[in-house]
PDB file of N, CA and C in Angstrom:
ATOM      1  N   MET A   1       0.829  -1.188   0.000  1.00  0.00           N
ATOM      2  CA  MET A   1       0.000   0.000   0.000  1.00  0.00           C
ATOM      3  C   MET A   1       0.871   1.249   0.000  1.00  0.00           C
ATOM      4  N   THR A   2       0.424   2.217  -0.746  1.00  0.00           N
ATOM      5  CA  THR A   2       1.152   3.482  -0.779  1.00  0.00           C
ATOM      6  C   THR A   2       0.484   4.487   0.157  1.00  0.00           C
ATOM      7  N   ALA A   3       1.203   5.545   0.464  1.00  0.00           N
ATOM      8  CA  ALA A   3       0.650   6.583   1.333  1.00  0.00           C
ATOM      9  C   ALA A   3      -0.570   7.228   0.686  1.00  0.00           C
ATOM     10  N   ALA A   4      -0.519   7.411  -0.639  1.00  0.00           N
ATOM     11  CA  ALA A   4      -1.655   8.021  -1.341  1.00  0.00           C
ATOM     12  C   ALA A   4      -2.883   7.127  -1.241  1.00  0.00           C
ATOM     13  N   TYR A   5      -2.692   5.817  -1.387  1.00  0.00           N
ATOM     14  CA  TYR A   5      -3.811   4.882  -1.274  1.00  0.00           C
ATOM     15  C   TYR A   5      -4.379   4.923   0.140  1.00  0.00           C
ATOM     16  N   ASP A   6      -3.521   4.905   1.144  1.00  0.00           N
ATOM     17  CA  ASP A   6      -3.976   4.965   2.532  1.00  0.00           C
ATOM     18  C   ASP A   6      -4.789   6.229   2.783  1.00  0.00           C
ATOM     19  N   HIS A   7      -4.327   7.333   2.232  1.00  0.00           N
ATOM     20  CA  HIS A   7      -5.002   8.618   2.417  1.00  0.00           C
ATOM     21  C   HIS A   7      -6.400   8.577   1.812  1.00  0.00           C
ATOM     22  N   GLU A   8      -6.518   8.113   0.570  1.00  0.00           N
ATOM     23  CA  GLU A   8      -7.819   8.009  -0.095  1.00  0.00           C
ATOM     24  C   GLU A   8      -8.729   7.015   0.617  1.00  0.00           C
ATOM     25  N   ASP A   9      -8.159   5.888   1.013  1.00  0.00           N
ATOM     26  CA  ASP A   9      -8.935   4.862   1.700  1.00  0.00           C
ATOM     27  C   ASP A   9      -9.499   5.399   3.016  1.00  0.00           C
ATOM     28  N   MET A  10      -8.704   6.182   3.727  1.00  0.00           N
ATOM     29  CA  MET A  10      -9.160   6.755   4.992  1.00  0.00           C
ATOM     30  C   MET A  10     -10.288   7.761   4.765  1.00  0.00           C
ATOM     31  N   HIS A  11     -10.177   8.551   3.694  1.00  0.00           N
ATOM     32  CA  HIS A  11     -11.251   9.486   3.356  1.00  0.00           C
ATOM     33  C   HIS A  11     -12.561   8.744   3.117  1.00  0.00           C
ATOM     34  N   HIS A  12     -12.501   7.655   2.349  1.00  0.00           N
ATOM     35  CA  HIS A  12     -13.702   6.879   2.076  1.00  0.00           C
ATOM     36  C   HIS A  12     -14.256   6.253   3.348  1.00  0.00           C
ATOM     37  N   LEU A  13     -13.387   5.806   4.220  1.00  0.00           N
ATOM     38  CA  LEU A  13     -13.828   5.220   5.486  1.00  0.00           C
ATOM     39  C   LEU A  13     -14.582   6.250   6.319  1.00  0.00           C
ATOM     40  N   VAL A  14     -14.022   7.432   6.465  1.00  0.00           N
ATOM     41  CA  VAL A  14     -14.661   8.483   7.270  1.00  0.00           C
ATOM     42  C   VAL A  14     -15.984   8.893   6.644  1.00  0.00           C
ATOM     43  N   ASP A  15     -16.045   8.955   5.323  1.00  0.00           N
ATOM     44  CA  ASP A  15     -17.286   9.318   4.648  1.00  0.00           C
ATOM     45  C   ASP A  15     -18.406   8.318   4.918  1.00  0.00           C
ATOM     46  N   ARG A  16     -18.063   7.056   5.166  1.00  0.00           N
ATOM     47  CA  ARG A  16     -19.066   6.015   5.402  1.00  0.00           C
ATOM     48  C   ARG A  16     -19.485   5.913   6.866  1.00  0.00           C
ATOM     49  N   LEU A  17     -18.749   6.550   7.758  1.00  0.00           N
ATOM     50  CA  LEU A  17     -19.074   6.458   9.180  1.00  0.00           C
ATOM     51  C   LEU A  17     -20.322   7.264   9.528  1.00  0.00           C
ATOM     52  N   PRO A  18     -21.122   6.750  10.454  1.00  0.00           N
ATOM     53  CA  PRO A  18     -22.244   7.565  10.939  1.00  0.00           C
ATOM     54  C   PRO A  18     -21.692   8.694  11.813  1.00  0.00           C
ATOM     55  N   PRO A  19     -22.479   9.739  12.078  1.00  0.00           N
ATOM     56  CA  PRO A  19     -21.992  10.862  12.883  1.00  0.00           C
ATOM     57  C   PRO A  19     -21.380  10.453  14.225  1.00  0.00           C
ATOM     58  N   ALA A  20     -21.971   9.490  14.894  1.00  0.00           N
ATOM     59  CA  ALA A  20     -21.422   9.042  16.181  1.00  0.00           C
ATOM     60  C   ALA A  20     -20.045   8.409  15.993  1.00  0.00           C
ATOM     61  N   GLY A  21     -19.854   7.702  14.895  1.00  0.00           N
ATOM     62  CA  GLY A  21     -18.557   7.090  14.605  1.00  0.00           C
ATOM     63  C   GLY A  21     -17.491   8.130  14.315  1.00  0.00           C
ATOM     64  N   VAL A  22     -17.883   9.199  13.636  1.00  0.00           N
ATOM     65  CA  VAL A  22     -16.937  10.281  13.347  1.00  0.00           C
ATOM     66  C   VAL A  22     -16.514  10.956  14.654  1.00  0.00           C
ATOM     67  N   ARG A  23     -17.475  11.180  15.558  1.00  0.00           N
ATOM     68  CA  ARG A  23     -17.134  11.783  16.858  1.00  0.00           C
ATOM     69  C   ARG A  23     -16.175  10.885  17.642  1.00  0.00           C
ATOM     70  N   ARG A  24     -16.404   9.581  17.619  1.00  0.00           N
ATOM     71  CA  ARG A  24     -15.513   8.650  18.326  1.00  0.00           C
ATOM     72  C   ARG A  24     -14.118   8.648  17.712  1.00  0.00           C
ATOM     73  N   LEU A  25     -14.061   8.669  16.390  1.00  0.00           N
ATOM     74  CA  LEU A  25     -12.774   8.702  15.707  1.00  0.00           C
ATOM     75  C   LEU A  25     -12.021   9.979  16.055  1.00  0.00           C
ATOM     76  N   ARG A  26     -12.724  11.097  16.074  1.00  0.00           N
ATOM     77  CA  ARG A  26     -12.084  12.364  16.434  1.00  0.00           C
ATOM     78  C   ARG A  26     -11.535  12.316  17.853  1.00  0.00           C
ATOM     79  N   LEU A  27     -12.292  11.735  18.788  1.00  0.00           N
ATOM     80  CA  LEU A  27     -11.816  11.608  20.169  1.00  0.00           C
ATOM     81  C   LEU A  27     -10.551  10.749  20.242  1.00  0.00           C
ATOM     82  N   LEU A  28     -10.530   9.683  19.461  1.00  0.00           N
ATOM     83  CA  LEU A  28      -9.337   8.829  19.431  1.00  0.00           C
ATOM     84  C   LEU A  28      -8.122   9.590  18.897  1.00  0.00           C
ATOM     85  N   VAL A  29      -8.317  10.335  17.836  1.00  0.00           N
ATOM     86  CA  VAL A  29      -7.214  11.098  17.254  1.00  0.00           C
ATOM     87  C   VAL A  29      -6.752  12.181  18.223  1.00  0.00           C
ATOM     88  N   GLU A  30      -7.696  12.868  18.855  1.00  0.00           N
ATOM     89  CA  GLU A  30      -7.344  13.928  19.805  1.00  0.00           C
ATOM     90  C   GLU A  30      -6.591  13.394  21.017  1.00  0.00           C
ATOM     91  N   SER A  31      -6.856  12.152  21.392  1.00  0.00           N
ATOM     92  CA  SER A  31      -6.206  11.589  22.570  1.00  0.00           C
ATOM     93  C   SER A  31      -4.829  10.993  22.277  1.00  0.00           C
ATOM     94  N   ASP A  32      -4.478  10.873  21.015  1.00  0.00           N
ATOM     95  CA  ASP A  32      -3.168  10.342  20.622  1.00  0.00           C
ATOM     96  C   ASP A  32      -2.168  11.494  20.538  1.00  0.00           C
ATOM     97  N   PRO A  33      -1.112  11.479  21.368  1.00  0.00           N
ATOM     98  CA  PRO A  33      -0.155  12.600  21.384  1.00  0.00           C
ATOM     99  C   PRO A  33       0.490  12.883  20.032  1.00  0.00           C
ATOM    100  N   GLU A  34       0.712  11.862  19.229  1.00  0.00           N
ATOM    101  CA  GLU A  34       1.342  12.074  17.924  1.00  0.00           C
ATOM    102  C   GLU A  34       0.381  12.683  16.904  1.00  0.00           C
ATOM    103  N   LEU A  35      -0.899  12.408  17.050  1.00  0.00           N
ATOM    104  CA  LEU A  35      -1.873  12.873  16.063  1.00  0.00           C
ATOM    105  C   LEU A  35      -2.622  14.130  16.490  1.00  0.00           C
ATOM    106  N   ALA A  36      -2.690  14.383  17.786  1.00  0.00           N
ATOM    107  CA  ALA A  36      -3.496  15.497  18.298  1.00  0.00           C
ATOM    108  C   ALA A  36      -3.074  16.842  17.731  1.00  0.00           C
ATOM    109  N   ARG A  37      -1.805  16.988  17.403  1.00  0.00           N
ATOM    110  CA  ARG A  37      -1.338  18.278  16.884  1.00  0.00           C
ATOM    111  C   ARG A  37      -1.911  18.595  15.504  1.00  0.00           C
ATOM    112  N   PHE A  38      -2.456  17.590  14.825  1.00  0.00           N
ATOM    113  CA  PHE A  38      -3.041  17.814  13.504  1.00  0.00           C
ATOM    114  C   PHE A  38      -4.521  18.179  13.564  1.00  0.00           C
ATOM    115  N   VAL A  39      -5.114  18.055  14.739  1.00  0.00           N
ATOM    116  CA  VAL A  39      -6.537  18.337  14.902  1.00  0.00           C
ATOM    117  C   VAL A  39      -6.716  19.824  15.177  1.00  0.00           C
ATOM    118  N   GLU A  40      -7.515  20.461  14.342  1.00  0.00           N
ATOM    119  CA  GLU A  40      -7.810  21.873  14.540  1.00  0.00           C
ATOM    120  C   GLU A  40      -9.130  22.000  15.281  1.00  0.00           C
ATOM    121  N   ALA A  41      -9.189  22.939  16.193  1.00  0.00           N
ATOM    122  CA  ALA A  41     -10.445  23.211  16.887  1.00  0.00           C
ATOM    123  C   ALA A  41     -11.408  23.842  15.884  1.00  0.00           C
ATOM    124  N   PRO A  42     -12.656  23.420  15.886  1.00  0.00           N
ATOM    125  CA  PRO A  42     -13.607  24.011  14.951  1.00  0.00           C
ATOM    126  C   PRO A  42     -13.820  25.488  15.259  1.00  0.00           C
ATOM    127  N   ASP A  43     -13.857  26.291  14.230  1.00  0.00           N
ATOM    128  CA  ASP A  43     -14.079  27.725  14.368  1.00  0.00           C
ATOM    129  C   ASP A  43     -15.582  27.977  14.332  1.00  0.00           C
ATOM    130  N   PRO A  44     -16.165  28.460  15.450  1.00  0.00           N
ATOM    131  CA  PRO A  44     -17.619  28.668  15.475  1.00  0.00           C
ATOM    132  C   PRO A  44     -18.087  29.675  14.417  1.00  0.00           C
ATOM    133  N   GLU A  45     -17.199  30.560  13.967  1.00  0.00           N
ATOM    134  CA  GLU A  45     -17.570  31.541  12.947  1.00  0.00           C
ATOM    135  C   GLU A  45     -17.754  30.891  11.579  1.00  0.00           C
ATOM    136  N   THR A  46     -16.985  29.835  11.303  1.00  0.00           N
ATOM    137  CA  THR A  46     -17.050  29.217   9.981  1.00  0.00           C
ATOM    138  C   THR A  46     -17.743  27.856   9.998  1.00  0.00           C
ATOM    139  N   THR A  47     -18.031  27.318  11.176  1.00  0.00           N
ATOM    140  CA  THR A  47     -18.693  26.022  11.258  1.00  0.00           C
ATOM    141  C   THR A  47     -20.153  26.192  10.874  1.00  0.00           C
ATOM    142  N   ARG A  48     -20.619  25.332   9.986  1.00  0.00           N
ATOM    143  CA  ARG A  48     -22.014  25.411   9.590  1.00  0.00           C
ATOM    144  C   ARG A  48     -22.627  24.026   9.620  1.00  0.00           C
ATOM    145  N   ARG A  49     -23.900  23.987   9.860  1.00  0.00           N
ATOM    146  CA  ARG A  49     -24.622  22.723   9.817  1.00  0.00           C
ATOM    147  C   ARG A  49     -25.070  22.450   8.403  1.00  0.00           C
ATOM    148  N   GLU A  50     -24.913  21.235   7.999  1.00  0.00           N
ATOM    149  CA  GLU A  50     -25.424  20.854   6.694  1.00  0.00           C
ATOM    150  C   GLU A  50     -26.844  20.358   6.861  1.00  0.00           C
ATOM    151  N   LEU A  51     -27.700  20.790   5.992  1.00  0.00           N
ATOM    152  CA  LEU A  51     -29.098  20.386   6.044  1.00  0.00           C
ATOM    153  C   LEU A  51     -29.258  19.123   5.217  1.00  0.00           C
ATOM    154  N   SER A  52     -29.445  18.011   5.898  1.00  0.00           N
ATOM    155  CA  SER A  52     -29.470  16.729   5.212  1.00  0.00           C
ATOM    156  C   SER A  52     -30.721  16.513   4.374  1.00  0.00           C
ATOM    157  N   PHE A  53     -31.765  17.318   4.596  1.00  0.00           N
ATOM    158  CA  PHE A  53     -32.989  17.114   3.835  1.00  0.00           C
ATOM    159  C   PHE A  53     -32.995  17.871   2.510  1.00  0.00           C
ATOM    160  N   ILE A  54     -32.020  18.746   2.288  1.00  0.00           N
ATOM    161  CA  ILE A  54     -31.978  19.514   1.054  1.00  0.00           C
ATOM    162  C   ILE A  54     -31.790  18.571  -0.136  1.00  0.00           C
ATOM    163  N   GLY A  55     -32.596  18.744  -1.137  1.00  0.00           N
ATOM    164  CA  GLY A  55     -32.483  17.958  -2.353  1.00  0.00           C
ATOM    165  C   GLY A  55     -33.220  16.634  -2.310  1.00  0.00           C
ATOM    166  N   LEU A  56     -33.938  16.351  -1.233  1.00  0.00           N
ATOM    167  CA  LEU A  56     -34.644  15.073  -1.152  1.00  0.00           C
ATOM    168  C   LEU A  56     -35.949  15.076  -1.949  1.00  0.00           C
ATOM    169  N   GLY A  57     -36.555  16.230  -2.075  1.00  0.00           N
ATOM    170  CA  GLY A  57     -37.832  16.306  -2.777  1.00  0.00           C
ATOM    171  C   GLY A  57     -37.649  16.316  -4.277  1.00  0.00           C
ATOM    172  N   ALA A  58     -38.629  15.795  -4.959  1.00  0.00           N
ATOM    173  CA  ALA A  58     -38.615  15.818  -6.417  1.00  0.00           C
ATOM    174  C   ALA A  58     -39.947  16.406  -6.864  1.00  0.00           C
ATOM    175  N   SER A  59     -39.913  17.672  -7.276  1.00  0.00           N
ATOM    176  CA  SER A  59     -41.153  18.350  -7.648  1.00  0.00           C
ATOM    177  C   SER A  59     -41.564  18.051  -9.080  1.00  0.00           C
ATOM    178  N   GLY A  60     -40.622  17.575  -9.890  1.00  0.00           N
ATOM    179  CA  GLY A  60     -40.926  17.358 -11.293  1.00  0.00           C
ATOM    180  C   GLY A  60     -40.806  18.626 -12.120  1.00  0.00           C
ATOM    181  N   ARG A  61     -40.453  19.727 -11.462  1.00  0.00           N
ATOM    182  CA  ARG A  61     -40.308  21.005 -12.156  1.00  0.00           C
ATOM    183  C   ARG A  61     -38.824  21.319 -12.295  1.00  0.00           C
ATOM    184  N   GLY A  62     -38.430  21.806 -13.441  1.00  0.00           N
ATOM    185  CA  GLY A  62     -37.030  22.125 -13.680  1.00  0.00           C
ATOM    186  C   GLY A  62     -36.651  23.558 -13.363  1.00  0.00           C
ATOM    187  N   ASP A  63     -37.633  24.400 -13.031  1.00  0.00           N
ATOM    188  CA  ASP A  63     -37.366  25.819 -12.841  1.00  0.00           C
ATOM    189  C   ASP A  63     -37.449  26.251 -11.378  1.00  0.00           C
ATOM    190  N   VAL A  64     -37.389  25.317 -10.467  1.00  0.00           N
ATOM    191  CA  VAL A  64     -37.600  25.617  -9.056  1.00  0.00           C
ATOM    192  C   VAL A  64     -36.567  26.608  -8.528  1.00  0.00           C
ATOM    193  N   SER A  65     -35.295  26.431  -8.846  1.00  0.00           N
ATOM    194  CA  SER A  65     -34.282  27.322  -8.285  1.00  0.00           C
ATOM    195  C   SER A  65     -34.397  28.735  -8.858  1.00  0.00           C
ATOM    196  N   GLU A  66     -34.796  28.861 -10.124  1.00  0.00           N
ATOM    197  CA  GLU A  66     -34.933  30.187 -10.722  1.00  0.00           C
ATOM    198  C   GLU A  66     -36.154  30.919 -10.191  1.00  0.00           C
ATOM    199  N   ARG A  67     -37.216  30.201  -9.871  1.00  0.00           N
ATOM    200  CA  ARG A  67     -38.481  30.821  -9.470  1.00  0.00           C
ATOM    201  C   ARG A  67     -38.813  30.586  -8.000  1.00  0.00           C
ATOM    202  N   HIS A  68     -37.815  30.347  -7.158  1.00  0.00           N
ATOM    203  CA  HIS A  68     -38.106  29.965  -5.772  1.00  0.00           C
ATOM    204  C   HIS A  68     -38.934  31.006  -5.027  1.00  0.00           C
ATOM    205  N   ASP A  69     -38.660  32.302  -5.218  1.00  0.00           N
ATOM    206  CA  ASP A  69     -39.440  33.328  -4.515  1.00  0.00           C
ATOM    207  C   ASP A  69     -40.907  33.275  -4.933  1.00  0.00           C
ATOM    208  N   GLU A  70     -41.126  33.211  -6.236  1.00  0.00           N
ATOM    209  CA  GLU A  70     -42.490  33.159  -6.751  1.00  0.00           C
ATOM    210  C   GLU A  70     -43.226  31.908  -6.262  1.00  0.00           C
ATOM    211  N   LEU A  71     -42.549  30.780  -6.280  1.00  0.00           N
ATOM    212  CA  LEU A  71     -43.168  29.533  -5.836  1.00  0.00           C
ATOM    213  C   LEU A  71     -43.487  29.551  -4.350  1.00  0.00           C
ATOM    214  N   LEU A  72     -42.608  30.168  -3.559  1.00  0.00           N
ATOM    215  CA  LEU A  72     -42.895  30.283  -2.127  1.00  0.00           C
ATOM    216  C   LEU A  72     -44.136  31.135  -1.885  1.00  0.00           C
ATOM    217  N   TRP A  73     -44.240  32.258  -2.599  1.00  0.00           N
ATOM    218  CA  TRP A  73     -45.420  33.112  -2.449  1.00  0.00           C
ATOM    219  C   TRP A  73     -46.677  32.362  -2.858  1.00  0.00           C
ATOM    220  N   GLU A  74     -46.601  31.589  -3.946  1.00  0.00           N
ATOM    221  CA  GLU A  74     -47.761  30.787  -4.379  1.00  0.00           C
ATOM    222  C   GLU A  74     -48.146  29.792  -3.291  1.00  0.00           C
ATOM    223  N   GLY A  75     -47.158  29.175  -2.684  1.00  0.00           N
ATOM    224  CA  GLY A  75     -47.417  28.186  -1.639  1.00  0.00           C
ATOM    225  C   GLY A  75     -48.029  28.799  -0.398  1.00  0.00           C
ATOM    226  N   LEU A  76     -47.736  30.066  -0.165  1.00  0.00           N
ATOM    227  CA  LEU A  76     -48.296  30.758   1.001  1.00  0.00           C
ATOM    228  C   LEU A  76     -49.610  31.456   0.688  1.00  0.00           C
ATOM    229  N   ASP A  77     -50.076  31.323  -0.569  1.00  0.00           N
ATOM    230  CA  ASP A  77     -51.339  31.971  -1.008  1.00  0.00           C
ATOM    231  C   ASP A  77     -51.317  33.461  -0.755  1.00  0.00           C
ATOM    232  N   ARG A  78     -50.214  34.097  -1.060  1.00  0.00           N
ATOM    233  CA  ARG A  78     -50.104  35.545  -0.926  1.00  0.00           C
ATOM    234  C   ARG A  78     -49.734  36.139  -2.275  1.00  0.00           C
ATOM    235  N   PRO A  79     -50.184  37.355  -2.512  1.00  0.00           N
ATOM    236  CA  PRO A  79     -49.799  37.997  -3.787  1.00  0.00           C
ATOM    237  C   PRO A  79     -48.316  38.327  -3.797  1.00  0.00           C
ATOM    238  N   SER A  80     -47.685  38.216  -4.958  1.00  0.00           N
ATOM    239  CA  SER A  80     -46.236  38.485  -5.027  1.00  0.00           C
ATOM    240  C   SER A  80     -45.921  39.936  -5.197  1.00  0.00           C
TER     241      SER A  80
END
């Protein structure tokens, strides 16, 4: 195995972990003196939550992103 393969393989492994597994892995890395120096504290200014429900719906319409304001007003039964 090469270092590049190990690096890619580790990325795929982390991507497949559930959130609880990622937290456990981070705790393990943080507790290892050799690896802890590579862990950066999350910056609350730049940390954002990803919305996992985005993109799950299928409206069948291709113009949703262009007309989102208009569609929202229609959905709220208010004049635009």
